[in-house]
C-alpha atoms as a PDB file:
ATOM      1  CA  MET A   1       5.382   0.600  49.924  1.00  0.00           C
ATOM      2  CA  SER A   2       8.875   1.903  49.573  1.00  0.00           C
ATOM      3  CA  GLU A   3      11.475   0.104  47.566  1.00  0.00           C
ATOM      4  CA  VAL A   4      14.848  -0.633  49.160  1.00  0.00           C
ATOM      5  CA  MET A   5      17.705   0.459  46.961  1.00  0.00           C
ATOM      6  CA  GLU A   6      20.843  -1.626  46.802  1.00  0.00           C
ATOM      7  CA  LYS A   7      23.775   0.539  47.845  1.00  0.00           C
ATOM      8  CA  GLU A   8      26.482  -2.098  48.188  1.00  0.00           C
ATOM      9  CA  PHE A   9      26.688  -3.494  44.667  1.00  0.00           C
ATOM     10  CA  MET A  10      30.086  -5.058  45.339  1.00  0.00           C
ATOM     11  CA  GLY A  11      29.151  -6.468  48.713  1.00  0.00           C
ATOM     12  CA  LYS A  12      30.602  -5.673  52.104  1.00  0.00           C
ATOM     13  CA  GLY A  13      33.977  -6.198  53.735  1.00  0.00           C
ATOM     14  CA  ARG A  14      35.477  -9.397  52.375  1.00  0.00           C
ATOM     15  CA  SER A  15      33.378  -9.258  49.221  1.00  0.00           C
ATOM     16  CA  LYS A  16      35.024  -5.979  48.217  1.00  0.00           C
ATOM     17  CA  VAL A  17      38.462  -7.453  48.838  1.00  0.00           C
ATOM     18  CA  TRP A  18      37.610 -10.464  46.675  1.00  0.00           C
ATOM     19  CA  THR A  19      36.213  -8.181  44.002  1.00  0.00           C
ATOM     20  CA  TYR A  20      39.393  -6.129  43.799  1.00  0.00           C
ATOM     21  CA  LEU A  21      41.567  -9.256  43.949  1.00  0.00           C
ATOM     22  CA  ILE A  22      39.701 -10.954  41.100  1.00  0.00           C
ATOM     23  CA  PHE A  23      39.700  -7.824  38.958  1.00  0.00           C
ATOM     24  CA  MET A  24      43.443  -7.438  39.599  1.00  0.00           C
ATOM     25  CA  ILE A  25      44.076 -11.035  38.512  1.00  0.00           C
ATOM     26  CA  LEU A  26      41.950 -10.558  35.390  1.00  0.00           C
ATOM     27  CA  LEU A  27      43.825  -7.362  34.570  1.00  0.00           C
ATOM     28  CA  VAL A  28      47.194  -9.129  34.886  1.00  0.00           C
ATOM     29  CA  ILE A  29      45.972 -12.025  32.714  1.00  0.00           C
ATOM     30  CA  ALA A  30      44.713  -9.570  30.084  1.00  0.00           C
ATOM     31  CA  ALA A  31      48.041  -7.690  30.136  1.00  0.00           C
ATOM     32  CA  VAL A  32      49.986 -10.941  29.664  1.00  0.00           C
ATOM     33  CA  ILE A  33      47.768 -12.027  26.769  1.00  0.00           C
ATOM     34  CA  VAL A  34      48.037  -8.633  25.075  1.00  0.00           C
ATOM     35  CA  ASN A  35      51.816  -8.694  25.545  1.00  0.00           C
ATOM     36  CA  VAL A  36      52.151 -12.169  24.013  1.00  0.00           C
ATOM     37  CA  VAL A  37      49.962 -11.286  21.041  1.00  0.00           C
ATOM     38  CA  TRP A  38      51.686  -7.935  20.535  1.00  0.00           C
ATOM     39  CA  ASN A  39      55.214  -9.391  20.606  1.00  0.00           C
ATOM     40  CA  ASP A  40      54.571 -12.442  18.406  1.00  0.00           C
ATOM     41  CA  PRO A  41      51.258 -12.233  16.536  1.00  0.00           C
ATOM     42  CA  THR A  42      51.984 -15.123  14.150  1.00  0.00           C
ATOM     43  CA  SER A  43      52.597 -17.691  16.868  1.00  0.00           C
ATOM     44  CA  ALA A  44      49.608 -16.350  18.829  1.00  0.00           C
ATOM     45  CA  ARG A  45      47.441 -16.829  15.728  1.00  0.00           C
ATOM     46  CA  GLU A  46      48.775 -20.353  15.206  1.00  0.00           C
ATOM     47  CA  GLY A  47      48.295 -21.154  18.895  1.00  0.00           C
ATOM     48  CA  MET A  48      44.646 -20.133  18.739  1.00  0.00           C
ATOM     49  CA  SER A  49      43.945 -22.249  15.666  1.00  0.00           C
ATOM     50  CA  THR A  50      43.745 -25.365  17.839  1.00  0.00           C
ATOM     51  CA  PHE A  51      43.001 -26.070  21.492  1.00  0.00           C
ATOM     52  CA  PHE A  52      44.542 -29.357  22.648  1.00  0.00           C
ATOM     53  CA  GLY A  53      44.195 -30.626  19.080  1.00  0.00           C
ATOM     54  CA  LEU A  54      40.512 -29.695  18.921  1.00  0.00           C
ATOM     55  CA  PRO A  55      38.934 -27.270  16.403  1.00  0.00           C
ATOM     56  CA  SER A  56      39.441 -23.529  16.730  1.00  0.00           C
ATOM     57  CA  TYR A  57      35.950 -22.875  18.058  1.00  0.00           C
ATOM     58  CA  THR A  58      36.544 -25.092  21.106  1.00  0.00           C
ATOM     59  CA  LEU A  59      38.340 -22.405  23.111  1.00  0.00           C
ATOM     60  CA  ALA A  60      35.539 -19.922  22.428  1.00  0.00           C
ATOM     61  CA  LEU A  61      33.012 -22.561  23.496  1.00  0.00           C
ATOM     62  CA  VAL A  62      34.967 -23.235  26.707  1.00  0.00           C
ATOM     63  CA  LEU A  63      35.042 -19.491  27.419  1.00  0.00           C
ATOM     64  CA  PHE A  64      31.286 -19.307  26.835  1.00  0.00           C
ATOM     65  CA  LEU A  65      30.585 -22.233  29.165  1.00  0.00           C
ATOM     66  CA  VAL A  66      32.826 -20.913  31.939  1.00  0.00           C
ATOM     67  CA  GLY A  67      31.192 -17.490  31.573  1.00  0.00           C
ATOM     68  CA  ALA A  68      27.732 -19.055  31.760  1.00  0.00           C
ATOM     69  CA  ILE A  69      28.671 -20.918  34.948  1.00  0.00           C
ATOM     70  CA  VAL A  70      30.125 -17.779  36.537  1.00  0.00           C
ATOM     71  CA  PHE A  71      27.032 -15.808  35.508  1.00  0.00           C
ATOM     72  CA  TRP A  72      24.689 -18.467  36.917  1.00  0.00           C
ATOM     73  CA  LEU A  73      26.617 -18.652  40.183  1.00  0.00           C
ATOM     74  CA  GLY A  74      26.550 -14.857  40.355  1.00  0.00           C
ATOM     75  CA  LEU A  75      22.765 -14.907  40.288  1.00  0.00           C
ATOM     76  CA  LYS A  76      22.861 -16.863  43.536  1.00  0.00           C
ATOM     77  CA  MET A  77      25.195 -14.404  45.325  1.00  0.00           C
ATOM     78  CA  GLU A  78      24.581 -11.007  46.874  1.00  0.00           C
ATOM     79  CA  THR A  79      27.336  -9.189  45.029  1.00  0.00           C
ATOM     80  CA  ASP A  80      26.930  -8.209  41.395  1.00  0.00           C
ATOM     81  CA  TRP A  81      30.465  -8.608  40.111  1.00  0.00           C
ATOM     82  CA  PRO A  82      30.194 -12.340  39.229  1.00  0.00           C
ATOM     83  CA  GLU A  83      27.315 -11.545  36.900  1.00  0.00           C
ATOM     84  CA  GLY A  84      29.368  -8.790  35.303  1.00  0.00           C
ATOM     85  CA  ILE A  85      32.381 -11.047  34.820  1.00  0.00           C
ATOM     86  CA  GLY A  86      30.197 -13.881  33.498  1.00  0.00           C
ATOM     87  CA  ALA A  87      28.417 -11.534  31.099  1.00  0.00           C
ATOM     88  CA  PHE A  88      31.783 -10.187  29.938  1.00  0.00           C
ATOM     89  CA  MET A  89      33.109 -13.715  29.330  1.00  0.00           C
ATOM     90  CA  ILE A  90      29.981 -14.710  27.413  1.00  0.00           C
ATOM     91  CA  THR A  91      30.215 -11.539  25.321  1.00  0.00           C
ATOM     92  CA  ALA A  92      33.910 -12.188  24.649  1.00  0.00           C
ATOM     93  CA  ALA A  93      32.996 -15.681  23.444  1.00  0.00           C
ATOM     94  CA  VAL A  94      30.327 -14.193  21.164  1.00  0.00           C
ATOM     95  CA  ILE A  95      32.881 -11.775  19.684  1.00  0.00           C
ATOM     96  CA  TRP A  96      35.371 -14.612  19.269  1.00  0.00           C
ATOM     97  CA  GLY A  97      32.694 -16.659  17.511  1.00  0.00           C
ATOM     98  CA  GLN A  98      32.024 -13.750  15.195  1.00  0.00           C
ATOM     99  CA  PHE A  99      35.717 -13.644  14.273  1.00  0.00           C
ATOM    100  CA  ILE A 100      35.803 -17.405  13.692  1.00  0.00           C
ATOM    101  CA  ILE A 101      32.692 -17.365  11.504  1.00  0.00           C
ATOM    102  CA  GLY A 102      33.772 -14.179   9.752  1.00  0.00           C
ATOM    103  CA  TRP A 103      33.078 -10.648  10.887  1.00  0.00           C
ATOM    104  CA  ALA A 104      31.788  -9.584   7.466  1.00  0.00           C
ATOM    105  CA  LYS A 105      29.156 -12.347   7.432  1.00  0.00           C
ATOM    106  CA  PHE A 106      27.240 -10.451  10.126  1.00  0.00           C
ATOM    107  CA  ASP A 107      26.813  -7.367   7.910  1.00  0.00           C
ATOM    108  CA  LEU A 108      23.245  -8.295   7.074  1.00  0.00           C
ATOM    109  CA  GLY A 109      21.612  -6.014   4.558  1.00  0.00           C
ATOM    110  CA  GLY A 110      24.717  -3.851   4.375  1.00  0.00           C
ATOM    111  CA  LEU A 111      24.467  -2.771   8.015  1.00  0.00           C
ATOM    112  CA  ILE A 112      28.140  -2.483   8.877  1.00  0.00           C
ATOM    113  CA  VAL A 113      27.314  -1.601  12.472  1.00  0.00           C
ATOM    114  CA  LEU A 114      25.434  -4.874  13.149  1.00  0.00           C
ATOM    115  CA  PRO A 115      28.527  -6.938  14.114  1.00  0.00           C
ATOM    116  CA  TYR A 116      29.318  -4.285  16.726  1.00  0.00           C
ATOM    117  CA  LEU A 117      25.763  -4.201  18.072  1.00  0.00           C
ATOM    118  CA  ILE A 118      25.538  -7.966  18.672  1.00  0.00           C
ATOM    119  CA  PRO A 119      28.092  -8.000  21.549  1.00  0.00           C
ATOM    120  CA  ILE A 120      26.702  -4.787  23.030  1.00  0.00           C
ATOM    121  CA  LEU A 121      23.181  -6.206  23.018  1.00  0.00           C
ATOM    122  CA  THR A 122      24.407  -9.525  24.435  1.00  0.00           C
ATOM    123  CA  PHE A 123      26.174  -7.827  27.336  1.00  0.00           C
ATOM    124  CA  SER A 124      23.297  -5.421  27.994  1.00  0.00           C
ATOM    125  CA  LEU A 125      20.617  -8.111  27.962  1.00  0.00           C
ATOM    126  CA  LEU A 126      22.639 -10.332  30.300  1.00  0.00           C
ATOM    127  CA  LEU A 127      23.090  -7.496  32.776  1.00  0.00           C
ATOM    128  CA  ILE A 128      19.408  -6.537  32.580  1.00  0.00           C
ATOM    129  CA  TYR A 129      18.488 -10.157  33.260  1.00  0.00           C
ATOM    130  CA  ALA A 130      20.948 -10.254  36.168  1.00  0.00           C
ATOM    131  CA  MET A 131      19.435  -7.143  37.712  1.00  0.00           C
ATOM    132  CA  LYS A 132      15.948  -8.642  37.509  1.00  0.00           C
ATOM    133  CA  LYS A 133      16.849 -12.136  38.761  1.00  0.00           C
ATOM    134  CA  SER A 134      19.625 -11.372  41.253  1.00  0.00           C
ATOM    135  CA  VAL A 135      19.079 -12.267  44.903  1.00  0.00           C
END
């Protein structure tokens, strides 16, 4: 039996347009955030210390939950970009959690590279899972 290879990883027609539109919006949002942090890092740091009066980890938790929902919905769709965006959001939340807890606390046994490997492994494992479970 021959295996059918997926050639349209972003979908067809309208799916490609939506893919480019969503990536464009995410790029603009990222540019705005980088600009705000670059121009006024102290107020950006103070603004991230609370989220609507809640603890600092709440925003990272919200990002994780939204990423998990996007990832889960992506498993039900033909295109692969929702899984990629969801995995990226989950990985960003993991990195943010590492910063909140303390980056140096993840240097177990003196392995300085371990804090860098955790997000890479998270992203890779999510994408491997998505490839196996995707429709």
